[in-house]
């Protein structure tokens, strides 16, 4: 592209380098001034406090609307993943036990394993 070719030109590279050097000096002088440095620190502290206030307000609004926060969603996703892994492990164990037990221990359809189909019922 034409713009890329212009940036590769040695004169343009020199101008850019000189501009960066002068900007570095100016910023260095500004930061060496204690008032500017203190002002920046105060600005950053105020920005952090404002962010915390906004996040707190968003969380309060989400809870008021009975909606989960991003942290709560992350926690729920983690728990869901853990539960899915447990279900998979149980499913694998059941398949292994079925394979070991063979077809002779199959239970009738609709009956839970371990329940005797000839169970006596007691009526009062």
PDB file of N, CA and C in Angstrom:
ATOM      1  N   UNK A   1       0.835  -1.172   0.000  1.00  0.00           N
ATOM      2  CA  UNK A   1       0.000   0.000   0.000  1.00  0.00           C
ATOM      3  C   UNK A   1       0.884   1.240   0.000  1.00  0.00           C
ATOM      4  N   UNK A   2       0.336   2.336  -0.452  1.00  0.00           N
ATOM      5  CA  UNK A   2       1.093   3.577  -0.562  1.00  0.00           C
ATOM      6  C   UNK A   2       1.489   4.098   0.819  1.00  0.00           C
ATOM      7  N   UNK A   3       0.557   4.030   1.784  1.00  0.00           N
ATOM      8  CA  UNK A   3       0.841   4.527   3.123  1.00  0.00           C
ATOM      9  C   UNK A   3       1.979   3.743   3.769  1.00  0.00           C
ATOM     10  N   UNK A   4       1.989   2.428   3.601  1.00  0.00           N
ATOM     11  CA  UNK A   4       3.063   1.592   4.147  1.00  0.00           C
ATOM     12  C   UNK A   4       4.412   1.983   3.551  1.00  0.00           C
ATOM     13  N   UNK A   5       4.424   2.279   2.249  1.00  0.00           N
ATOM     14  CA  UNK A   5       5.666   2.690   1.597  1.00  0.00           C
ATOM     15  C   UNK A   5       6.169   4.017   2.159  1.00  0.00           C
ATOM     16  N   UNK A   6       5.235   4.915   2.456  1.00  0.00           N
ATOM     17  CA  UNK A   6       5.615   6.215   3.021  1.00  0.00           C
ATOM     18  C   UNK A   6       6.243   6.021   4.396  1.00  0.00           C
ATOM     19  N   UNK A   7       5.654   5.157   5.210  1.00  0.00           N
ATOM     20  CA  UNK A   7       6.191   4.910   6.550  1.00  0.00           C
ATOM     21  C   UNK A   7       7.571   4.259   6.513  1.00  0.00           C
ATOM     22  N   UNK A   8       7.874   3.552   5.441  1.00  0.00           N
ATOM     23  CA  UNK A   8       9.176   2.893   5.324  1.00  0.00           C
ATOM     24  C   UNK A   8      10.278   3.835   4.837  1.00  0.00           C
ATOM     25  N   UNK A   9       9.891   5.001   4.377  1.00  0.00           N
ATOM     26  CA  UNK A   9      10.872   5.951   3.847  1.00  0.00           C
ATOM     27  C   UNK A   9      11.780   6.414   4.991  1.00  0.00           C
ATOM     28  N   UNK A  10      13.105   6.499   4.777  1.00  0.00           N
ATOM     29  CA  UNK A  10      14.041   6.860   5.842  1.00  0.00           C
ATOM     30  C   UNK A  10      13.790   8.231   6.457  1.00  0.00           C
ATOM     31  N   UNK A  11      13.374   9.198   5.674  1.00  0.00           N
ATOM     32  CA  UNK A  11      13.132  10.539   6.201  1.00  0.00           C
ATOM     33  C   UNK A  11      11.927  10.506   7.149  1.00  0.00           C
ATOM     34  N   UNK A  12      10.886   9.787   6.767  1.00  0.00           N
ATOM     35  CA  UNK A  12       9.691   9.686   7.600  1.00  0.00           C
ATOM     36  C   UNK A  12      10.034   8.954   8.897  1.00  0.00           C
ATOM     37  N   UNK A  13      10.848   7.909   8.793  1.00  0.00           N
ATOM     38  CA  UNK A  13      11.269   7.172   9.991  1.00  0.00           C
ATOM     39  C   UNK A  13      12.020   8.092  10.951  1.00  0.00           C
ATOM     40  N   UNK A  14      12.874   8.951  10.416  1.00  0.00           N
ATOM     41  CA  UNK A  14      13.652   9.871  11.238  1.00  0.00           C
ATOM     42  C   UNK A  14      12.740  10.893  11.915  1.00  0.00           C
ATOM     43  N   UNK A  15      11.754  11.397  11.180  1.00  0.00           N
ATOM     44  CA  UNK A  15      10.814  12.362  11.745  1.00  0.00           C
ATOM     45  C   UNK A  15      10.024  11.715  12.880  1.00  0.00           C
ATOM     46  N   UNK A  16       9.560  10.498  12.678  1.00  0.00           N
ATOM     47  CA  UNK A  16       8.803   9.782  13.710  1.00  0.00           C
ATOM     48  C   UNK A  16       9.669   9.546  14.946  1.00  0.00           C
ATOM     49  N   UNK A  17      10.916   9.120  14.748  1.00  0.00           N
ATOM     50  CA  UNK A  17      11.824   8.878  15.866  1.00  0.00           C
ATOM     51  C   UNK A  17      12.082  10.161  16.648  1.00  0.00           C
ATOM     52  N   UNK A  18      12.268  11.282  15.940  1.00  0.00           N
ATOM     53  CA  UNK A  18      12.497  12.563  16.603  1.00  0.00           C
ATOM     54  C   UNK A  18      11.270  12.981  17.406  1.00  0.00           C
ATOM     55  N   UNK A  19      10.095  12.802  16.840  1.00  0.00           N
ATOM     56  CA  UNK A  19       8.852  13.142  17.539  1.00  0.00           C
ATOM     57  C   UNK A  19       8.663  12.299  18.794  1.00  0.00           C
ATOM     58  N   UNK A  20       8.970  11.001  18.695  1.00  0.00           N
ATOM     59  CA  UNK A  20       8.853  10.125  19.864  1.00  0.00           C
ATOM     60  C   UNK A  20       9.835  10.546  20.955  1.00  0.00           C
ATOM     61  N   UNK A  21      11.030  10.936  20.544  1.00  0.00           N
ATOM     62  CA  UNK A  21      12.061  11.359  21.505  1.00  0.00           C
ATOM     63  C   UNK A  21      11.621  12.625  22.232  1.00  0.00           C
ATOM     64  N   UNK A  22      11.083  13.589  21.493  1.00  0.00           N
ATOM     65  CA  UNK A  22      10.626  14.831  22.116  1.00  0.00           C
ATOM     66  C   UNK A  22       9.424  14.577  23.033  1.00  0.00           C
ATOM     67  N   UNK A  23       8.521  13.704  22.624  1.00  0.00           N
ATOM     68  CA  UNK A  23       7.354  13.389  23.456  1.00  0.00           C
ATOM     69  C   UNK A  23       7.809  12.714  24.750  1.00  0.00           C
ATOM     70  N   UNK A  24       8.803  11.856  24.666  1.00  0.00           N
ATOM     71  CA  UNK A  24       9.325  11.188  25.854  1.00  0.00           C
ATOM     72  C   UNK A  24       9.905  12.203  26.830  1.00  0.00           C
ATOM     73  N   UNK A  25      10.628  13.175  26.313  1.00  0.00           N
ATOM     74  CA  UNK A  25      11.203  14.215  27.180  1.00  0.00           C
ATOM     75  C   UNK A  25      10.124  15.042  27.859  1.00  0.00           C
ATOM     76  N   UNK A  26       9.112  15.428  27.101  1.00  0.00           N
ATOM     77  CA  UNK A  26       8.034  16.245  27.653  1.00  0.00           C
ATOM     78  C   UNK A  26       7.289  15.473  28.740  1.00  0.00           C
ATOM     79  N   UNK A  27       6.974  14.221  28.487  1.00  0.00           N
ATOM     80  CA  UNK A  27       6.271  13.400  29.477  1.00  0.00           C
ATOM     81  C   UNK A  27       7.147  13.218  30.713  1.00  0.00           C
ATOM     82  N   UNK A  28       8.437  13.014  30.512  1.00  0.00           N
ATOM     83  CA  UNK A  28       9.362  12.880  31.638  1.00  0.00           C
ATOM     84  C   UNK A  28       9.368  14.125  32.509  1.00  0.00           C
ATOM     85  N   UNK A  29       9.382  15.296  31.875  1.00  0.00           N
ATOM     86  CA  UNK A  29       9.359  16.545  32.636  1.00  0.00           C
ATOM     87  C   UNK A  29       8.037  16.701  33.394  1.00  0.00           C
ATOM     88  N   UNK A  30       6.939  16.363  32.748  1.00  0.00           N
ATOM     89  CA  UNK A  30       5.641  16.468  33.408  1.00  0.00           C
ATOM     90  C   UNK A  30       5.572  15.547  34.627  1.00  0.00           C
ATOM     91  N   UNK A  31       6.027  14.324  34.454  1.00  0.00           N
ATOM     92  CA  UNK A  31       5.945  13.373  35.559  1.00  0.00           C
ATOM     93  C   UNK A  31       6.924  13.693  36.685  1.00  0.00           C
ATOM     94  N   UNK A  32       7.968  14.428  36.373  1.00  0.00           N
ATOM     95  CA  UNK A  32       8.911  14.791  37.422  1.00  0.00           C
ATOM     96  C   UNK A  32       8.341  15.899  38.313  1.00  0.00           C
ATOM     97  N   UNK A  33       7.329  16.624  37.827  1.00  0.00           N
ATOM     98  CA  UNK A  33       6.664  17.649  38.630  1.00  0.00           C
ATOM     99  C   UNK A  33       5.753  16.949  39.640  1.00  0.00           C
ATOM    100  N   UNK A  34       5.971  17.230  40.905  1.00  0.00           N
ATOM    101  CA  UNK A  34       5.238  16.554  41.969  1.00  0.00           C
ATOM    102  C   UNK A  34       3.739  16.824  41.891  1.00  0.00           C
ATOM    103  N   UNK A  35       3.340  18.024  41.506  1.00  0.00           N
ATOM    104  CA  UNK A  35       1.920  18.351  41.416  1.00  0.00           C
ATOM    105  C   UNK A  35       1.230  17.522  40.341  1.00  0.00           C
ATOM    106  N   UNK A  36       1.892  17.379  39.196  1.00  0.00           N
ATOM    107  CA  UNK A  36       1.311  16.581  38.109  1.00  0.00           C
ATOM    108  C   UNK A  36       1.228  15.114  38.529  1.00  0.00           C
ATOM    109  N   UNK A  37       2.293  14.632  39.137  1.00  0.00           N
ATOM    110  CA  UNK A  37       2.323  13.239  39.586  1.00  0.00           C
ATOM    111  C   UNK A  37       1.231  12.975  40.617  1.00  0.00           C
ATOM    112  N   UNK A  38       1.072  13.866  41.566  1.00  0.00           N
ATOM    113  CA  UNK A  38       0.045  13.714  42.590  1.00  0.00           C
ATOM    114  C   UNK A  38      -1.344  13.806  41.966  1.00  0.00           C
ATOM    115  N   UNK A  39      -1.515  14.694  41.019  1.00  0.00           N
ATOM    116  CA  UNK A  39      -2.795  14.827  40.321  1.00  0.00           C
ATOM    117  C   UNK A  39      -3.173  13.552  39.579  1.00  0.00           C
ATOM    118  N   UNK A  40      -2.180  12.938  38.930  1.00  0.00           N
ATOM    119  CA  UNK A  40      -2.435  11.680  38.231  1.00  0.00           C
ATOM    120  C   UNK A  40      -2.829  10.579  39.205  1.00  0.00           C
ATOM    121  N   UNK A  41      -2.149  10.526  40.345  1.00  0.00           N
ATOM    122  CA  UNK A  41      -2.476   9.521  41.354  1.00  0.00           C
ATOM    123  C   UNK A  41      -3.909   9.714  41.855  1.00  0.00           C
ATOM    124  N   UNK A  42      -4.287  10.950  42.103  1.00  0.00           N
ATOM    125  CA  UNK A  42      -5.640  11.238  42.566  1.00  0.00           C
ATOM    126  C   UNK A  42      -6.674  10.886  41.498  1.00  0.00           C
ATOM    127  N   UNK A  43      -6.339  11.188  40.257  1.00  0.00           N
ATOM    128  CA  UNK A  43      -7.238  10.865  39.153  1.00  0.00           C
ATOM    129  C   UNK A  43      -7.443   9.356  39.051  1.00  0.00           C
ATOM    130  N   UNK A  44      -6.359   8.600  39.151  1.00  0.00           N
ATOM    131  CA  UNK A  44      -6.460   7.140  39.074  1.00  0.00           C
ATOM    132  C   UNK A  44      -7.246   6.580  40.260  1.00  0.00           C
ATOM    133  N   UNK A  45      -7.038   7.129  41.444  1.00  0.00           N
ATOM    134  CA  UNK A  45      -7.781   6.676  42.622  1.00  0.00           C
ATOM    135  C   UNK A  45      -9.271   6.973  42.460  1.00  0.00           C
ATOM    136  N   UNK A  46      -9.594   8.160  41.949  1.00  0.00           N
ATOM    137  CA  UNK A  46     -10.993   8.518  41.730  1.00  0.00           C
ATOM    138  C   UNK A  46     -11.628   7.615  40.679  1.00  0.00           C
ATOM    139  N   UNK A  47     -10.879   7.289  39.637  1.00  0.00           N
ATOM    140  CA  UNK A  47     -11.394   6.400  38.592  1.00  0.00           C
ATOM    141  C   UNK A  47     -11.659   5.006  39.160  1.00  0.00           C
ATOM    142  N   UNK A  48     -10.766   4.521  40.012  1.00  0.00           N
ATOM    143  CA  UNK A  48     -10.963   3.206  40.631  1.00  0.00           C
ATOM    144  C   UNK A  48     -12.181   3.213  41.546  1.00  0.00           C
ATOM    145  N   UNK A  49     -12.357   4.284  42.302  1.00  0.00           N
ATOM    146  CA  UNK A  49     -13.519   4.387  43.183  1.00  0.00           C
ATOM    147  C   UNK A  49     -14.813   4.457  42.365  1.00  0.00           C
ATOM    148  N   UNK A  50     -14.792   5.194  41.270  1.00  0.00           N
ATOM    149  CA  UNK A  50     -15.977   5.305  40.417  1.00  0.00           C
ATOM    150  C   UNK A  50     -16.320   3.948  39.812  1.00  0.00           C
ATOM    151  N   UNK A  51     -15.301   3.224  39.404  1.00  0.00           N
ATOM    152  CA  UNK A  51     -15.538   1.894  38.831  1.00  0.00           C
ATOM    153  C   UNK A  51     -16.163   0.959  39.870  1.00  0.00           C
ATOM    154  N   UNK A  52     -15.645   1.001  41.092  1.00  0.00           N
ATOM    155  CA  UNK A  52     -16.192   0.156  42.163  1.00  0.00           C
ATOM    156  C   UNK A  52     -17.646   0.520  42.440  1.00  0.00           C
ATOM    157  N   UNK A  53     -17.959   1.813  42.415  1.00  0.00           N
ATOM    158  CA  UNK A  53     -19.324   2.269  42.654  1.00  0.00           C
ATOM    159  C   UNK A  53     -20.252   1.777  41.543  1.00  0.00           C
ATOM    160  N   UNK A  54     -19.799   1.883  40.308  1.00  0.00           N
ATOM    161  CA  UNK A  54     -20.609   1.431  39.171  1.00  0.00           C
ATOM    162  C   UNK A  54     -20.836  -0.077  39.252  1.00  0.00           C
ATOM    163  N   UNK A  55     -19.779  -0.844  39.534  1.00  0.00           N
ATOM    164  CA  UNK A  55     -19.919  -2.297  39.633  1.00  0.00           C
ATOM    165  C   UNK A  55     -20.874  -2.677  40.754  1.00  0.00           C
ATOM    166  N   UNK A  56     -20.782  -1.979  41.874  1.00  0.00           N
ATOM    167  CA  UNK A  56     -21.687  -2.242  42.998  1.00  0.00           C
ATOM    168  C   UNK A  56     -23.128  -1.946  42.599  1.00  0.00           C
ATOM    169  N   UNK A  57     -23.340  -0.843  41.894  1.00  0.00           N
ATOM    170  CA  UNK A  57     -24.681  -0.494  41.430  1.00  0.00           C
ATOM    171  C   UNK A  57     -25.233  -1.506  40.447  1.00  0.00           C
ATOM    172  N   UNK A  58     -24.385  -1.979  39.550  1.00  0.00           N
ATOM    173  CA  UNK A  58     -24.813  -2.989  38.570  1.00  0.00           C
ATOM    174  C   UNK A  58     -25.209  -4.277  39.290  1.00  0.00           C
ATOM    175  N   UNK A  59     -24.390  -4.683  40.274  1.00  0.00           N
ATOM    176  CA  UNK A  59     -24.720  -5.892  41.022  1.00  0.00           C
ATOM    177  C   UNK A  59     -26.036  -5.731  41.776  1.00  0.00           C
ATOM    178  N   UNK A  60     -26.245  -4.574  42.377  1.00  0.00           N
ATOM    179  CA  UNK A  60     -27.495  -4.330  43.102  1.00  0.00           C
ATOM    180  C   UNK A  60     -28.686  -4.371  42.147  1.00  0.00           C
ATOM    181  N   UNK A  61     -28.521  -3.798  40.963  1.00  0.00           N
ATOM    182  CA  UNK A  61     -29.608  -3.797  39.978  1.00  0.00           C
ATOM    183  C   UNK A  61     -29.901  -5.215  39.496  1.00  0.00           C
ATOM    184  N   UNK A  62     -28.862  -5.997  39.276  1.00  0.00           N
ATOM    185  CA  UNK A  62     -29.053  -7.383  38.837  1.00  0.00           C
ATOM    186  C   UNK A  62     -29.777  -8.196  39.910  1.00  0.00           C
ATOM    187  N   UNK A  63     -29.376  -8.014  41.164  1.00  0.00           N
ATOM    188  CA  UNK A  63     -30.034  -8.735  42.251  1.00  0.00           C
ATOM    189  C   UNK A  63     -31.483  -8.283  42.412  1.00  0.00           C
ATOM    190  N   UNK A  64     -31.740  -6.993  42.218  1.00  0.00           N
ATOM    191  CA  UNK A  64     -33.104  -6.481  42.318  1.00  0.00           C
ATOM    192  C   UNK A  64     -33.982  -7.085  41.220  1.00  0.00           C
ATOM    193  N   UNK A  65     -33.391  -7.323  40.056  1.00  0.00           N
ATOM    194  CA  UNK A  65     -34.127  -7.918  38.943  1.00  0.00           C
ATOM    195  C   UNK A  65     -34.086  -9.447  39.005  1.00  0.00           C
ATOM    196  N   UNK A  66     -33.507  -9.982  40.082  1.00  0.00           N
ATOM    197  CA  UNK A  66     -33.378 -11.421  40.289  1.00  0.00           C
ATOM    198  C   UNK A  66     -32.569 -12.073  39.162  1.00  0.00           C
ATOM    199  N   UNK A  67     -31.506 -11.392  38.737  1.00  0.00           N
ATOM    200  CA  UNK A  67     -30.603 -11.906  37.707  1.00  0.00           C
ATOM    201  C   UNK A  67     -29.236 -12.153  38.324  1.00  0.00           C
ATOM    202  N   UNK A  68     -28.510 -13.170  37.835  1.00  0.00           N
ATOM    203  CA  UNK A  68     -27.184 -13.447  38.397  1.00  0.00           C
ATOM    204  C   UNK A  68     -26.133 -12.473  37.870  1.00  0.00           C
ATOM    205  N   UNK A  69     -25.103 -12.247  38.692  1.00  0.00           N
ATOM    206  CA  UNK A  69     -23.980 -11.417  38.267  1.00  0.00           C
ATOM    207  C   UNK A  69     -23.021 -12.268  37.442  1.00  0.00           C
ATOM    208  N   UNK A  70     -22.027 -11.631  36.848  1.00  0.00           N
ATOM    209  CA  UNK A  70     -21.037 -12.361  36.049  1.00  0.00           C
ATOM    210  C   UNK A  70     -20.286 -13.364  36.920  1.00  0.00           C
ATOM    211  N   UNK A  71     -19.945 -12.983  38.138  1.00  0.00           N
ATOM    212  CA  UNK A  71     -19.247 -13.910  39.042  1.00  0.00           C
ATOM    213  C   UNK A  71     -20.132 -15.101  39.386  1.00  0.00           C
ATOM    214  N   UNK A  72     -21.406 -14.846  39.619  1.00  0.00           N
ATOM    215  CA  UNK A  72     -22.331 -15.939  39.937  1.00  0.00           C
ATOM    216  C   UNK A  72     -22.497 -16.873  38.738  1.00  0.00           C
ATOM    217  N   UNK A  73     -22.536 -16.309  37.530  1.00  0.00           N
ATOM    218  CA  UNK A  73     -22.621 -17.147  36.330  1.00  0.00           C
ATOM    219  C   UNK A  73     -21.379 -18.015  36.178  1.00  0.00           C
ATOM    220  N   UNK A  74     -20.202 -17.418  36.428  1.00  0.00           N
ATOM    221  CA  UNK A  74     -18.965 -18.207  36.358  1.00  0.00           C
ATOM    222  C   UNK A  74     -19.007 -19.359  37.357  1.00  0.00           C
ATOM    223  N   UNK A  75     -19.464 -19.068  38.559  1.00  0.00           N
ATOM    224  CA  UNK A  75     -19.554 -20.087  39.595  1.00  0.00           C
ATOM    225  C   UNK A  75     -20.528 -21.193  39.192  1.00  0.00           C
ATOM    226  N   UNK A  76     -21.675 -20.802  38.642  1.00  0.00           N
ATOM    227  CA  UNK A  76     -22.659 -21.794  38.205  1.00  0.00           C
ATOM    228  C   UNK A  76     -22.111 -22.647  37.061  1.00  0.00           C
ATOM    229  N   UNK A  77     -21.397 -22.028  36.131  1.00  0.00           N
ATOM    230  CA  UNK A  77     -20.808 -22.800  35.023  1.00  0.00           C
ATOM    231  C   UNK A  77     -19.800 -23.815  35.544  1.00  0.00           C
ATOM    232  N   UNK A  78     -18.997 -23.395  36.529  1.00  0.00           N
ATOM    233  CA  UNK A  78     -18.009 -24.297  37.117  1.00  0.00           C
ATOM    234  C   UNK A  78     -18.704 -25.478  37.792  1.00  0.00           C
ATOM    235  N   UNK A  79     -19.749 -25.192  38.576  1.00  0.00           N
ATOM    236  CA  UNK A  79     -20.488 -26.262  39.249  1.00  0.00           C
ATOM    237  C   UNK A  79     -21.148 -27.185  38.238  1.00  0.00           C
ATOM    238  N   UNK A  80     -21.699 -26.613  37.159  1.00  0.00           N
ATOM    239  CA  UNK A  80     -22.322 -27.417  36.123  1.00  0.00           C
ATOM    240  C   UNK A  80     -21.304 -28.340  35.463  1.00  0.00           C
ATOM    241  N   UNK A  81     -20.114 -27.822  35.190  1.00  0.00           N
ATOM    242  CA  UNK A  81     -19.059 -28.649  34.606  1.00  0.00           C
ATOM    243  C   UNK A  81     -18.683 -29.798  35.535  1.00  0.00           C
ATOM    244  N   UNK A  82     -18.587 -29.496  36.832  1.00  0.00           N
ATOM    245  CA  UNK A  82     -18.260 -30.534  37.803  1.00  0.00           C
ATOM    246  C   UNK A  82     -19.351 -31.599  37.853  1.00  0.00           C
ATOM    247  N   UNK A  83     -20.620 -31.162  37.833  1.00  0.00           N
ATOM    248  CA  UNK A  83     -21.723 -32.115  37.849  1.00  0.00           C
ATOM    249  C   UNK A  83     -21.748 -32.965  36.579  1.00  0.00           C
ATOM    250  N   UNK A  84     -21.487 -32.356  35.440  1.00  0.00           N
ATOM    251  CA  UNK A  84     -21.439 -33.107  34.187  1.00  0.00           C
ATOM    252  C   UNK A  84     -20.348 -34.160  34.236  1.00  0.00           C
ATOM    253  N   UNK A  85     -19.197 -33.808  34.798  1.00  0.00           N
ATOM    254  CA  UNK A  85     -18.105 -34.771  34.919  1.00  0.00           C
ATOM    255  C   UNK A  85     -18.503 -35.922  35.837  1.00  0.00           C
ATOM    256  N   UNK A  86     -19.207 -35.613  36.926  1.00  0.00           N
ATOM    257  CA  UNK A  86     -19.653 -36.668  37.840  1.00  0.00           C
ATOM    258  C   UNK A  86     -20.669 -37.585  37.162  1.00  0.00           C
ATOM    259  N   UNK A  87     -21.588 -37.015  36.391  1.00  0.00           N
ATOM    260  CA  UNK A  87     -22.576 -37.815  35.680  1.00  0.00           C
ATOM    261  C   UNK A  87     -21.882 -38.716  34.667  1.00  0.00           C
ATOM    262  N   UNK A  88     -20.917 -38.186  33.948  1.00  0.00           N
ATOM    263  CA  UNK A  88     -20.168 -38.989  32.978  1.00  0.00           C
ATOM    264  C   UNK A  88     -19.445 -40.141  33.666  1.00  0.00           C
ATOM    265  N   UNK A  89     -18.827 -39.846  34.821  1.00  0.00           N
ATOM    266  CA  UNK A  89     -18.111 -40.890  35.557  1.00  0.00           C
ATOM    267  C   UNK A  89     -19.083 -41.970  36.030  1.00  0.00           C
ATOM    268  N   UNK A  90     -20.242 -41.568  36.550  1.00  0.00           N
ATOM    269  CA  UNK A  90     -21.240 -42.543  36.988  1.00  0.00           C
ATOM    270  C   UNK A  90     -21.764 -43.368  35.821  1.00  0.00           C
ATOM    271  N   UNK A  91     -21.982 -42.719  34.695  1.00  0.00           N
ATOM    272  CA  UNK A  91     -22.454 -43.416  33.503  1.00  0.00           C
ATOM    273  C   UNK A  91     -21.426 -44.451  33.054  1.00  0.00           C
ATOM    274  N   UNK A  92     -20.166 -44.088  33.080  1.00  0.00           N
ATOM    275  CA  UNK A  92     -19.101 -45.022  32.703  1.00  0.00           C
ATOM    276  C   UNK A  92     -19.068 -46.203  33.656  1.00  0.00           C
ATOM    277  N   UNK A  93     -19.206 -45.925  34.951  1.00  0.00           N
ATOM    278  CA  UNK A  93     -19.195 -47.014  35.935  1.00  0.00           C
ATOM    279  C   UNK A  93     -20.373 -47.951  35.721  1.00  0.00           C
ATOM    280  N   UNK A  94     -21.550 -47.394  35.431  1.00  0.00           N
ATOM    281  CA  UNK A  94     -22.717 -48.235  35.171  1.00  0.00           C
ATOM    282  C   UNK A  94     -22.512 -49.119  33.947  1.00  0.00           C
ATOM    283  N   UNK A  95     -21.962 -48.560  32.908  1.00  0.00           N
ATOM    284  CA  UNK A  95     -21.698 -49.342  31.698  1.00  0.00           C
ATOM    285  C   UNK A  95     -20.699 -50.452  31.982  1.00  0.00           C
ATOM    286  N   UNK A  96     -19.649 -50.144  32.776  1.00  0.00           N
ATOM    287  CA  UNK A  96     -18.664 -51.164  33.130  1.00  0.00           C
ATOM    288  C   UNK A  96     -19.302 -52.271  33.956  1.00  0.00           C
ATOM    289  N   UNK A  97     -20.133 -51.887  34.924  1.00  0.00           N
ATOM    290  CA  UNK A  97     -20.793 -52.892  35.753  1.00  0.00           C
ATOM    291  C   UNK A  97     -21.756 -53.734  34.937  1.00  0.00           C
ATOM    292  N   UNK A  98     -22.467 -53.119  33.990  1.00  0.00           N
ATOM    293  CA  UNK A  98     -23.369 -53.879  33.123  1.00  0.00           C
ATOM    294  C   UNK A  98     -22.581 -54.854  32.264  1.00  0.00           C
ATOM    295  N   UNK A  99     -21.431 -54.423  31.775  1.00  0.00           N
ATOM    296  CA  UNK A  99     -20.610 -55.294  30.939  1.00  0.00           C
ATOM    297  C   UNK A  99     -20.070 -56.471  31.747  1.00  0.00           C
ATOM    298  N   UNK A 100     -19.688 -56.234  32.998  1.00  0.00           N
ATOM    299  CA  UNK A 100     -19.162 -57.292  33.855  1.00  0.00           C
ATOM    300  C   UNK A 100     -20.279 -58.236  34.266  1.00  0.00           C
ATOM    301  N   UNK A 101     -21.450 -57.711  34.615  1.00  0.00           N
ATOM    302  CA  UNK A 101     -22.565 -58.532  35.085  1.00  0.00           C
ATOM    303  C   UNK A 101     -23.149 -59.378  33.970  1.00  0.00           C
ATOM    304  N   UNK A 102     -23.124 -58.886  32.764  1.00  0.00           N
ATOM    305  CA  UNK A 102     -23.640 -59.655  31.640  1.00  0.00           C
ATOM    306  C   UNK A 102     -25.150 -59.587  31.552  1.00  0.00           C
ATOM    307  N   UNK A 103     -25.738 -60.307  30.581  1.00  0.00           N
ATOM    308  CA  UNK A 103     -27.178 -60.220  30.333  1.00  0.00           C
ATOM    309  C   UNK A 103     -28.019 -60.969  31.365  1.00  0.00           C
ATOM    310  N   UNK A 104     -27.445 -61.831  32.198  1.00  0.00           N
ATOM    311  CA  UNK A 104     -28.241 -62.614  33.145  1.00  0.00           C
ATOM    312  C   UNK A 104     -28.822 -61.789  34.264  1.00  0.00           C
ATOM    313  N   UNK A 105     -28.218 -60.653  34.570  1.00  0.00           N
ATOM    314  CA  UNK A 105     -28.715 -59.857  35.679  1.00  0.00           C
ATOM    315  C   UNK A 105     -29.569 -58.688  35.222  1.00  0.00           C
ATOM    316  N   UNK A 106     -30.074 -58.777  34.010  1.00  0.00           N
ATOM    317  CA  UNK A 106     -30.901 -57.684  33.495  1.00  0.00           C
ATOM    318  C   UNK A 106     -32.204 -57.625  34.273  1.00  0.00           C
ATOM    319  N   UNK A 107     -32.704 -56.439  34.520  1.00  0.00           N
ATOM    320  CA  UNK A 107     -33.947 -56.262  35.255  1.00  0.00           C
ATOM    321  C   UNK A 107     -35.075 -56.061  34.267  1.00  0.00           C
ATOM    322  N   UNK A 108     -36.283 -56.469  34.632  1.00  0.00           N
ATOM    323  CA  UNK A 108     -37.428 -56.279  33.729  1.00  0.00           C
ATOM    324  C   UNK A 108     -37.639 -54.797  33.434  1.00  0.00           C
ATOM    325  N   UNK A 109     -38.196 -54.518  32.271  1.00  0.00           N
ATOM    326  CA  UNK A 109     -38.430 -53.135  31.865  1.00  0.00           C
ATOM    327  C   UNK A 109     -39.354 -52.447  32.851  1.00  0.00           C
ATOM    328  N   UNK A 110     -39.017 -51.229  33.208  1.00  0.00           N
ATOM    329  CA  UNK A 110     -39.837 -50.455  34.117  1.00  0.00           C
ATOM    330  C   UNK A 110     -39.574 -50.734  35.579  1.00  0.00           C
ATOM    331  N   UNK A 111     -38.667 -51.640  35.864  1.00  0.00           N
ATOM    332  CA  UNK A 111     -38.373 -51.974  37.264  1.00  0.00           C
ATOM    333  C   UNK A 111     -36.994 -51.463  37.611  1.00  0.00           C
ATOM    334  N   UNK A 112     -36.877 -50.875  38.769  1.00  0.00           N
ATOM    335  CA  UNK A 112     -35.595 -50.362  39.233  1.00  0.00           C
ATOM    336  C   UNK A 112     -34.694 -51.525  39.611  1.00  0.00           C
ATOM    337  N   UNK A 113     -33.364 -51.406  39.359  1.00  0.00           N
ATOM    338  CA  UNK A 113     -32.453 -52.473  39.750  1.00  0.00           C
ATOM    339  C   UNK A 113     -32.508 -52.687  41.258  1.00  0.00           C
ATOM    340  N   UNK A 114     -32.453 -53.939  41.686  1.00  0.00           N
ATOM    341  CA  UNK A 114     -32.429 -54.255  43.107  1.00  0.00           C
ATOM    342  C   UNK A 114     -33.821 -54.375  43.712  1.00  0.00           C
ATOM    343  N   UNK A 115     -34.882 -54.228  42.905  1.00  0.00           N
ATOM    344  CA  UNK A 115     -36.241 -54.338  43.419  1.00  0.00           C
ATOM    345  C   UNK A 115     -36.803 -55.685  42.963  1.00  0.00           C
ATOM    346  N   UNK A 116     -37.293 -56.471  43.898  1.00  0.00           N
ATOM    347  CA  UNK A 116     -37.832 -57.782  43.598  1.00  0.00           C
ATOM    348  C   UNK A 116     -39.234 -57.630  43.029  1.00  0.00           C
ATOM    349  N   UNK A 117     -39.487 -58.220  41.855  1.00  0.00           N
ATOM    350  CA  UNK A 117     -40.789 -58.075  41.223  1.00  0.00           C
ATOM    351  C   UNK A 117     -41.863 -58.895  41.933  1.00  0.00           C
ATOM    352  N   UNK A 118     -41.460 -59.851  42.799  1.00  0.00           N
ATOM    353  CA  UNK A 118     -42.424 -60.682  43.508  1.00  0.00           C
ATOM    354  C   UNK A 118     -42.564 -60.244  44.948  1.00  0.00           C
ATOM    355  N   UNK A 119     -42.399 -58.956  45.166  1.00  0.00           N
ATOM    356  CA  UNK A 119     -42.479 -58.413  46.506  1.00  0.00           C
ATOM    357  C   UNK A 119     -43.899 -58.528  47.022  1.00  0.00           C
ATOM    358  N   UNK A 120     -44.017 -58.924  48.303  1.00  0.00           N
ATOM    359  CA  UNK A 120     -45.346 -59.045  48.908  1.00  0.00           C
ATOM    360  C   UNK A 120     -45.830 -57.659  49.284  1.00  0.00           C
ATOM    361  N   UNK A 121     -47.096 -57.453  49.092  1.00  0.00           N
ATOM    362  CA  UNK A 121     -47.695 -56.187  49.504  1.00  0.00           C
ATOM    363  C   UNK A 121     -48.513 -56.440  50.750  1.00  0.00           C
ATOM    364  N   UNK A 122     -48.471 -55.531  51.635  1.00  0.00           N
ATOM    365  CA  UNK A 122     -49.254 -55.679  52.869  1.00  0.00           C
ATOM    366  C   UNK A 122     -50.374 -54.669  52.846  1.00  0.00           C
ATOM    367  N   UNK A 123     -51.571 -55.191  53.027  1.00  0.00           N
ATOM    368  CA  UNK A 123     -52.719 -54.316  53.073  1.00  0.00           C
ATOM    369  C   UNK A 123     -53.281 -54.338  54.480  1.00  0.00           C
ATOM    370  N   UNK A 124     -53.751 -53.214  54.974  1.00  0.00           N
ATOM    371  CA  UNK A 124     -54.263 -53.168  56.351  1.00  0.00           C
ATOM    372  C   UNK A 124     -55.560 -53.874  56.555  1.00  0.00           C
TER     373      UNK A 124
END
